Amino acid sequence: MCDMDVEHLLHVFFDCAFASQCWKHMGLSFDMWEVEDATRWLLDKLVTESHDHLSNIAMILWGLWFFRNKKVWDDRSV
């Protein structure tokens, strides 16, 4: 989305400025500085978070992936 870093899961879903704005817009924030594996982070959340919170996390992750694919495959940015 931002062309500022190598595309990897942590960047696409959390570190990118666009992703960060999406999380803040939904009133969610996570300290990702010590997270090395986005998949493990998400699996941990599946065990510890409420259903409503998980629904919001899933919605944001889906939206970020949707807009990332629009840019990569259709050359369309938000």
PDB file of N, CA and C in Angstrom:
ATOM      1  N   MET A   1       0.820  -1.196   0.000  1.00  0.00           N
ATOM      2  CA  MET A   1       0.000   0.000   0.000  1.00  0.00           C
ATOM      3  C   MET A   1       0.860   1.254   0.000  1.00  0.00           C
ATOM      4  N   CYS A   2       1.979   1.206   0.704  1.00  0.00           N
ATOM      5  CA  CYS A   2       2.744   2.446   0.890  1.00  0.00           C
ATOM      6  C   CYS A   2       4.068   2.459   0.134  1.00  0.00           C
ATOM      7  N   ASP A   3       4.524   1.306  -0.335  1.00  0.00           N
ATOM      8  CA  ASP A   3       5.822   1.199  -1.009  1.00  0.00           C
ATOM      9  C   ASP A   3       6.975   1.688  -0.141  1.00  0.00           C
ATOM     10  N   MET A   4       6.813   1.576   1.192  1.00  0.00           N
ATOM     11  CA  MET A   4       7.845   2.060   2.101  1.00  0.00           C
ATOM     12  C   MET A   4       8.675   0.935   2.716  1.00  0.00           C
ATOM     13  N   ASP A   5       8.270  -0.304   2.559  1.00  0.00           N
ATOM     14  CA  ASP A   5       8.968  -1.420   3.182  1.00  0.00           C
ATOM     15  C   ASP A   5       8.717  -2.666   2.354  1.00  0.00           C
ATOM     16  N   VAL A   6       9.508  -3.686   2.606  1.00  0.00           N
ATOM     17  CA  VAL A   6       9.286  -4.971   1.973  1.00  0.00           C
ATOM     18  C   VAL A   6       7.938  -5.490   2.444  1.00  0.00           C
ATOM     19  N   GLU A   7       7.167  -6.055   1.527  1.00  0.00           N
ATOM     20  CA  GLU A   7       5.853  -6.554   1.901  1.00  0.00           C
ATOM     21  C   GLU A   7       5.985  -7.858   2.676  1.00  0.00           C
ATOM     22  N   HIS A   8       5.576  -7.826   3.926  1.00  0.00           N
ATOM     23  CA  HIS A   8       5.468  -9.012   4.763  1.00  0.00           C
ATOM     24  C   HIS A   8       4.234  -8.829   5.629  1.00  0.00           C
ATOM     25  N   LEU A   9       3.767  -9.879   6.249  1.00  0.00           N
ATOM     26  CA  LEU A   9       2.481  -9.840   6.949  1.00  0.00           C
ATOM     27  C   LEU A   9       2.407  -8.746   8.010  1.00  0.00           C
ATOM     28  N   LEU A  10       3.455  -8.604   8.816  1.00  0.00           N
ATOM     29  CA  LEU A  10       3.413  -7.579   9.855  1.00  0.00           C
ATOM     30  C   LEU A  10       3.323  -6.182   9.257  1.00  0.00           C
ATOM     31  N   HIS A  11       4.025  -5.959   8.157  1.00  0.00           N
ATOM     32  CA  HIS A  11       3.967  -4.634   7.544  1.00  0.00           C
ATOM     33  C   HIS A  11       2.603  -4.379   6.913  1.00  0.00           C
ATOM     34  N   VAL A  12       2.146  -5.321   6.109  1.00  0.00           N
ATOM     35  CA  VAL A  12       0.865  -5.147   5.406  1.00  0.00           C
ATOM     36  C   VAL A  12      -0.279  -4.915   6.381  1.00  0.00           C
ATOM     37  N   PHE A  13      -0.313  -5.676   7.460  1.00  0.00           N
ATOM     38  CA  PHE A  13      -1.461  -5.629   8.362  1.00  0.00           C
ATOM     39  C   PHE A  13      -1.312  -4.690   9.560  1.00  0.00           C
ATOM     40  N   PHE A  14      -0.090  -4.253   9.879  1.00  0.00           N
ATOM     41  CA  PHE A  14       0.066  -3.445  11.084  1.00  0.00           C
ATOM     42  C   PHE A  14       0.995  -2.242  10.927  1.00  0.00           C
ATOM     43  N   ASP A  15       2.162  -2.426  10.325  1.00  0.00           N
ATOM     44  CA  ASP A  15       3.180  -1.367  10.296  1.00  0.00           C
ATOM     45  C   ASP A  15       2.937  -0.298   9.241  1.00  0.00           C
ATOM     46  N   CYS A  16       2.324  -0.667   8.143  1.00  0.00           N
ATOM     47  CA  CYS A  16       2.050   0.284   7.067  1.00  0.00           C
ATOM     48  C   CYS A  16       1.186   1.429   7.603  1.00  0.00           C
ATOM     49  N   ALA A  17       1.451   2.637   7.159  1.00  0.00           N
ATOM     50  CA  ALA A  17       0.689   3.801   7.629  1.00  0.00           C
ATOM     51  C   ALA A  17      -0.808   3.625   7.354  1.00  0.00           C
ATOM     52  N   PHE A  18      -1.151   3.080   6.194  1.00  0.00           N
ATOM     53  CA  PHE A  18      -2.561   2.832   5.862  1.00  0.00           C
ATOM     54  C   PHE A  18      -3.180   1.861   6.866  1.00  0.00           C
ATOM     55  N   ALA A  19      -2.483   0.770   7.160  1.00  0.00           N
ATOM     56  CA  ALA A  19      -2.989  -0.219   8.112  1.00  0.00           C
ATOM     57  C   ALA A  19      -3.146   0.406   9.491  1.00  0.00           C
ATOM     58  N   SER A  20      -2.160   1.151   9.906  1.00  0.00           N
ATOM     59  CA  SER A  20      -2.215   1.801  11.218  1.00  0.00           C
ATOM     60  C   SER A  20      -3.422   2.724  11.329  1.00  0.00           C
ATOM     61  N   GLN A  21      -3.715   3.467  10.274  1.00  0.00           N
ATOM     62  CA  GLN A  21      -4.877   4.357  10.275  1.00  0.00           C
ATOM     63  C   GLN A  21      -6.180   3.564  10.368  1.00  0.00           C
ATOM     64  N   CYS A  22      -6.238   2.426   9.706  1.00  0.00           N
ATOM     65  CA  CYS A  22      -7.438   1.587   9.758  1.00  0.00           C
ATOM     66  C   CYS A  22      -7.687   1.087  11.175  1.00  0.00           C
ATOM     67  N   TRP A  23      -6.642   0.608  11.843  1.00  0.00           N
ATOM     68  CA  TRP A  23      -6.780   0.136  13.219  1.00  0.00           C
ATOM     69  C   TRP A  23      -7.241   1.268  14.125  1.00  0.00           C
ATOM     70  N   LYS A  24      -6.630   2.427  13.985  1.00  0.00           N
ATOM     71  CA  LYS A  24      -7.000   3.565  14.826  1.00  0.00           C
ATOM     72  C   LYS A  24      -8.433   4.005  14.568  1.00  0.00           C
ATOM     73  N   HIS A  25      -8.851   3.987  13.318  1.00  0.00           N
ATOM     74  CA  HIS A  25     -10.212   4.375  12.958  1.00  0.00           C
ATOM     75  C   HIS A  25     -11.240   3.470  13.656  1.00  0.00           C
ATOM     76  N   MET A  26     -10.900   2.214  13.819  1.00  0.00           N
ATOM     77  CA  MET A  26     -11.803   1.262  14.468  1.00  0.00           C
ATOM     78  C   MET A  26     -11.636   1.250  15.990  1.00  0.00           C
ATOM     79  N   GLY A  27     -10.738   2.094  16.505  1.00  0.00           N
ATOM     80  CA  GLY A  27     -10.532   2.172  17.946  1.00  0.00           C
ATOM     81  C   GLY A  27      -9.737   1.018  18.518  1.00  0.00           C
ATOM     82  N   LEU A  28      -8.947   0.371  17.668  1.00  0.00           N
ATOM     83  CA  LEU A  28      -8.115  -0.745  18.110  1.00  0.00           C
ATOM     84  C   LEU A  28      -6.646  -0.396  17.925  1.00  0.00           C
ATOM     85  N   SER A  29      -5.839  -0.831  18.856  1.00  0.00           N
ATOM     86  CA  SER A  29      -4.398  -0.679  18.685  1.00  0.00           C
ATOM     87  C   SER A  29      -3.707  -1.828  19.401  1.00  0.00           C
ATOM     88  N   PHE A  30      -2.634  -2.258  18.837  1.00  0.00           N
ATOM     89  CA  PHE A  30      -1.864  -3.364  19.395  1.00  0.00           C
ATOM     90  C   PHE A  30      -0.393  -2.978  19.375  1.00  0.00           C
ATOM     91  N   ASP A  31       0.329  -3.383  20.418  1.00  0.00           N
ATOM     92  CA  ASP A  31       1.765  -3.151  20.470  1.00  0.00           C
ATOM     93  C   ASP A  31       2.437  -4.281  19.696  1.00  0.00           C
ATOM     94  N   MET A  32       2.847  -3.984  18.480  1.00  0.00           N
ATOM     95  CA  MET A  32       3.393  -5.008  17.599  1.00  0.00           C
ATOM     96  C   MET A  32       4.923  -4.994  17.541  1.00  0.00           C
ATOM     97  N   TRP A  33       5.570  -4.160  18.325  1.00  0.00           N
ATOM     98  CA  TRP A  33       7.030  -4.029  18.253  1.00  0.00           C
ATOM     99  C   TRP A  33       7.755  -5.324  18.562  1.00  0.00           C
ATOM    100  N   GLU A  34       7.222  -6.123  19.452  1.00  0.00           N
ATOM    101  CA  GLU A  34       7.898  -7.361  19.828  1.00  0.00           C
ATOM    102  C   GLU A  34       7.350  -8.583  19.094  1.00  0.00           C
ATOM    103  N   VAL A  35       6.362  -8.376  18.240  1.00  0.00           N
ATOM    104  CA  VAL A  35       5.769  -9.488  17.493  1.00  0.00           C
ATOM    105  C   VAL A  35       6.652  -9.813  16.294  1.00  0.00           C
ATOM    106  N   GLU A  36       7.033 -11.076  16.188  1.00  0.00           N
ATOM    107  CA  GLU A  36       7.859 -11.518  15.063  1.00  0.00           C
ATOM    108  C   GLU A  36       7.084 -12.358  14.059  1.00  0.00           C
ATOM    109  N   ASP A  37       5.953 -12.898  14.481  1.00  0.00           N
ATOM    110  CA  ASP A  37       5.189 -13.805  13.647  1.00  0.00           C
ATOM    111  C   ASP A  37       3.707 -13.409  13.697  1.00  0.00           C
ATOM    112  N   ALA A  38       3.211 -12.822  12.614  1.00  0.00           N
ATOM    113  CA  ALA A  38       1.825 -12.348  12.566  1.00  0.00           C
ATOM    114  C   ALA A  38       0.837 -13.496  12.704  1.00  0.00           C
ATOM    115  N   THR A  39       1.168 -14.644  12.162  1.00  0.00           N
ATOM    116  CA  THR A  39       0.273 -15.791  12.240  1.00  0.00           C
ATOM    117  C   THR A  39       0.115 -16.248  13.684  1.00  0.00           C
ATOM    118  N   ARG A  40       1.205 -16.357  14.408  1.00  0.00           N
ATOM    119  CA  ARG A  40       1.147 -16.765  15.817  1.00  0.00           C
ATOM    120  C   ARG A  40       0.387 -15.721  16.638  1.00  0.00           C
ATOM    121  N   TRP A  41       0.607 -14.444  16.341  1.00  0.00           N
ATOM    122  CA  TRP A  41      -0.107 -13.369  17.041  1.00  0.00           C
ATOM    123  C   TRP A  41      -1.616 -13.567  16.873  1.00  0.00           C
ATOM    124  N   LEU A  42      -2.048 -13.819  15.628  1.00  0.00           N
ATOM    125  CA  LEU A  42      -3.473 -13.993  15.367  1.00  0.00           C
ATOM    126  C   LEU A  42      -4.019 -15.242  16.055  1.00  0.00           C
ATOM    127  N   LEU A  43      -3.273 -16.330  16.026  1.00  0.00           N
ATOM    128  CA  LEU A  43      -3.719 -17.548  16.705  1.00  0.00           C
ATOM    129  C   LEU A  43      -3.858 -17.320  18.209  1.00  0.00           C
ATOM    130  N   ASP A  44      -2.952 -16.556  18.790  1.00  0.00           N
ATOM    131  CA  ASP A  44      -3.065 -16.206  20.215  1.00  0.00           C
ATOM    132  C   ASP A  44      -4.320 -15.380  20.476  1.00  0.00           C
ATOM    133  N   LYS A  45      -4.640 -14.463  19.575  1.00  0.00           N
ATOM    134  CA  LYS A  45      -5.834 -13.632  19.732  1.00  0.00           C
ATOM    135  C   LYS A  45      -7.103 -14.480  19.669  1.00  0.00           C
ATOM    136  N   LEU A  46      -7.097 -15.518  18.855  1.00  0.00           N
ATOM    137  CA  LEU A  46      -8.273 -16.391  18.742  1.00  0.00           C
ATOM    138  C   LEU A  46      -8.621 -17.044  20.076  1.00  0.00           C
ATOM    139  N   VAL A  47      -7.625 -17.233  20.916  1.00  0.00           N
ATOM    140  CA  VAL A  47      -7.831 -17.869  22.212  1.00  0.00           C
ATOM    141  C   VAL A  47      -8.175 -16.855  23.296  1.00  0.00           C
ATOM    142  N   THR A  48      -7.662 -15.630  23.174  1.00  0.00           N
ATOM    143  CA  THR A  48      -7.757 -14.683  24.288  1.00  0.00           C
ATOM    144  C   THR A  48      -8.805 -13.580  24.116  1.00  0.00           C
ATOM    145  N   GLU A  49      -9.251 -13.311  22.925  1.00  0.00           N
ATOM    146  CA  GLU A  49     -10.148 -12.171  22.690  1.00  0.00           C
ATOM    147  C   GLU A  49     -11.617 -12.592  22.649  1.00  0.00           C
ATOM    148  N   SER A  50     -12.487 -11.629  22.894  1.00  0.00           N
ATOM    149  CA  SER A  50     -13.927 -11.867  22.824  1.00  0.00           C
ATOM    150  C   SER A  50     -14.367 -12.035  21.368  1.00  0.00           C
ATOM    151  N   HIS A  51     -15.545 -12.598  21.197  1.00  0.00           N
ATOM    152  CA  HIS A  51     -16.092 -12.801  19.850  1.00  0.00           C
ATOM    153  C   HIS A  51     -16.241 -11.467  19.111  1.00  0.00           C
ATOM    154  N   ASP A  52     -16.744 -10.446  19.791  1.00  0.00           N
ATOM    155  CA  ASP A  52     -16.914  -9.130  19.160  1.00  0.00           C
ATOM    156  C   ASP A  52     -15.580  -8.537  18.737  1.00  0.00           C
ATOM    157  N   HIS A  53     -14.580  -8.656  19.605  1.00  0.00           N
ATOM    158  CA  HIS A  53     -13.261  -8.123  19.287  1.00  0.00           C
ATOM    159  C   HIS A  53     -12.658  -8.881  18.100  1.00  0.00           C
ATOM    160  N   LEU A  54     -12.817 -10.198  18.101  1.00  0.00           N
ATOM    161  CA  LEU A  54     -12.315 -11.004  16.977  1.00  0.00           C
ATOM    162  C   LEU A  54     -13.016 -10.650  15.673  1.00  0.00           C
ATOM    163  N   SER A  55     -14.296 -10.342  15.742  1.00  0.00           N
ATOM    164  CA  SER A  55     -15.022  -9.928  14.537  1.00  0.00           C
ATOM    165  C   SER A  55     -14.431  -8.649  13.966  1.00  0.00           C
ATOM    166  N   ASN A  56     -14.105  -7.696  14.830  1.00  0.00           N
ATOM    167  CA  ASN A  56     -13.487  -6.451  14.369  1.00  0.00           C
ATOM    168  C   ASN A  56     -12.099  -6.690  13.798  1.00  0.00           C
ATOM    169  N   ILE A  57     -11.316  -7.542  14.448  1.00  0.00           N
ATOM    170  CA  ILE A  57      -9.982  -7.861  13.945  1.00  0.00           C
ATOM    171  C   ILE A  57     -10.095  -8.501  12.560  1.00  0.00           C
ATOM    172  N   ALA A  58     -11.000  -9.464  12.412  1.00  0.00           N
ATOM    173  CA  ALA A  58     -11.175 -10.148  11.128  1.00  0.00           C
ATOM    174  C   ALA A  58     -11.614  -9.164  10.044  1.00  0.00           C
ATOM    175  N   MET A  59     -12.519  -8.269  10.384  1.00  0.00           N
ATOM    176  CA  MET A  59     -13.003  -7.294   9.414  1.00  0.00           C
ATOM    177  C   MET A  59     -11.864  -6.384   8.939  1.00  0.00           C
ATOM    178  N   ILE A  60     -11.040  -5.926   9.851  1.00  0.00           N
ATOM    179  CA  ILE A  60      -9.932  -5.045   9.469  1.00  0.00           C
ATOM    180  C   ILE A  60      -8.909  -5.804   8.632  1.00  0.00           C
ATOM    181  N   LEU A  61      -8.556  -7.011   9.054  1.00  0.00           N
ATOM    182  CA  LEU A  61      -7.596  -7.802   8.280  1.00  0.00           C
ATOM    183  C   LEU A  61      -8.116  -8.069   6.871  1.00  0.00           C
ATOM    184  N   TRP A  62      -9.411  -8.413   6.744  1.00  0.00           N
ATOM    185  CA  TRP A  62      -9.984  -8.654   5.425  1.00  0.00           C
ATOM    186  C   TRP A  62      -9.920  -7.386   4.579  1.00  0.00           C
ATOM    187  N   GLY A  63     -10.293  -6.250   5.163  1.00  0.00           N
ATOM    188  CA  GLY A  63     -10.275  -4.990   4.425  1.00  0.00           C
ATOM    189  C   GLY A  63      -8.881  -4.616   3.960  1.00  0.00           C
ATOM    190  N   LEU A  64      -7.903  -4.798   4.827  1.00  0.00           N
ATOM    191  CA  LEU A  64      -6.524  -4.487   4.437  1.00  0.00           C
ATOM    192  C   LEU A  64      -6.076  -5.380   3.284  1.00  0.00           C
ATOM    193  N   TRP A  65      -6.404  -6.668   3.354  1.00  0.00           N
ATOM    194  CA  TRP A  65      -6.023  -7.587   2.274  1.00  0.00           C
ATOM    195  C   TRP A  65      -6.761  -7.229   0.980  1.00  0.00           C
ATOM    196  N   PHE A  66      -8.030  -6.857   1.076  1.00  0.00           N
ATOM    197  CA  PHE A  66      -8.817  -6.462  -0.086  1.00  0.00           C
ATOM    198  C   PHE A  66      -8.170  -5.256  -0.784  1.00  0.00           C
ATOM    199  N   PHE A  67      -7.850  -4.218  -0.016  1.00  0.00           N
ATOM    200  CA  PHE A  67      -7.272  -3.015  -0.614  1.00  0.00           C
ATOM    201  C   PHE A  67      -5.848  -3.242  -1.088  1.00  0.00           C
ATOM    202  N   ARG A  68      -5.127  -4.119  -0.416  1.00  0.00           N
ATOM    203  CA  ARG A  68      -3.779  -4.489  -0.884  1.00  0.00           C
ATOM    204  C   ARG A  68      -3.881  -5.161  -2.251  1.00  0.00           C
ATOM    205  N   ASN A  69      -4.843  -6.073  -2.406  1.00  0.00           N
ATOM    206  CA  ASN A  69      -5.014  -6.762  -3.693  1.00  0.00           C
ATOM    207  C   ASN A  69      -5.480  -5.810  -4.786  1.00  0.00           C
ATOM    208  N   LYS A  70      -6.317  -4.840  -4.448  1.00  0.00           N
ATOM    209  CA  LYS A  70      -6.726  -3.837  -5.442  1.00  0.00           C
ATOM    210  C   LYS A  70      -5.509  -3.098  -5.982  1.00  0.00           C
ATOM    211  N   LYS A  71      -4.571  -2.781  -5.102  1.00  0.00           N
ATOM    212  CA  LYS A  71      -3.373  -2.062  -5.553  1.00  0.00           C
ATOM    213  C   LYS A  71      -2.463  -2.972  -6.372  1.00  0.00           C
ATOM    214  N   VAL A  72      -2.238  -4.181  -5.876  1.00  0.00           N
ATOM    215  CA  VAL A  72      -1.305  -5.095  -6.552  1.00  0.00           C
ATOM    216  C   VAL A  72      -1.844  -5.553  -7.901  1.00  0.00           C
ATOM    217  N   TRP A  73      -3.108  -5.933  -7.962  1.00  0.00           N
ATOM    218  CA  TRP A  73      -3.645  -6.559  -9.169  1.00  0.00           C
ATOM    219  C   TRP A  73      -4.362  -5.581 -10.106  1.00  0.00           C
ATOM    220  N   ASP A  74      -4.939  -4.518  -9.569  1.00  0.00           N
ATOM    221  CA  ASP A  74      -5.682  -3.580 -10.396  1.00  0.00           C
ATOM    222  C   ASP A  74      -5.030  -2.196 -10.468  1.00  0.00           C
ATOM    223  N   ASP A  75      -3.905  -2.018  -9.779  1.00  0.00           N
ATOM    224  CA  ASP A  75      -3.194  -0.737  -9.718  1.00  0.00           C
ATOM    225  C   ASP A  75      -4.130   0.383  -9.262  1.00  0.00           C
ATOM    226  N   ARG A  76      -4.994   0.054  -8.287  1.00  0.00           N
ATOM    227  CA  ARG A  76      -5.942   1.037  -7.740  1.00  0.00           C
ATOM    228  C   ARG A  76      -5.648   1.218  -6.258  1.00  0.00           C
ATOM    229  N   SER A  77      -5.463   2.461  -5.847  1.00  0.00           N
ATOM    230  CA  SER A  77      -5.200   2.764  -4.443  1.00  0.00           C
ATOM    231  C   SER A  77      -6.390   3.490  -3.839  1.00  0.00           C
ATOM    232  N   VAL A  78      -6.498   3.352  -2.526  1.00  0.00           N
ATOM    233  CA  VAL A  78      -7.562   4.030  -1.791  1.00  0.00           C
ATOM    234  C   VAL A  78      -7.143   5.467  -1.559  1.00  0.00           C
TER     235      VAL A  78
END
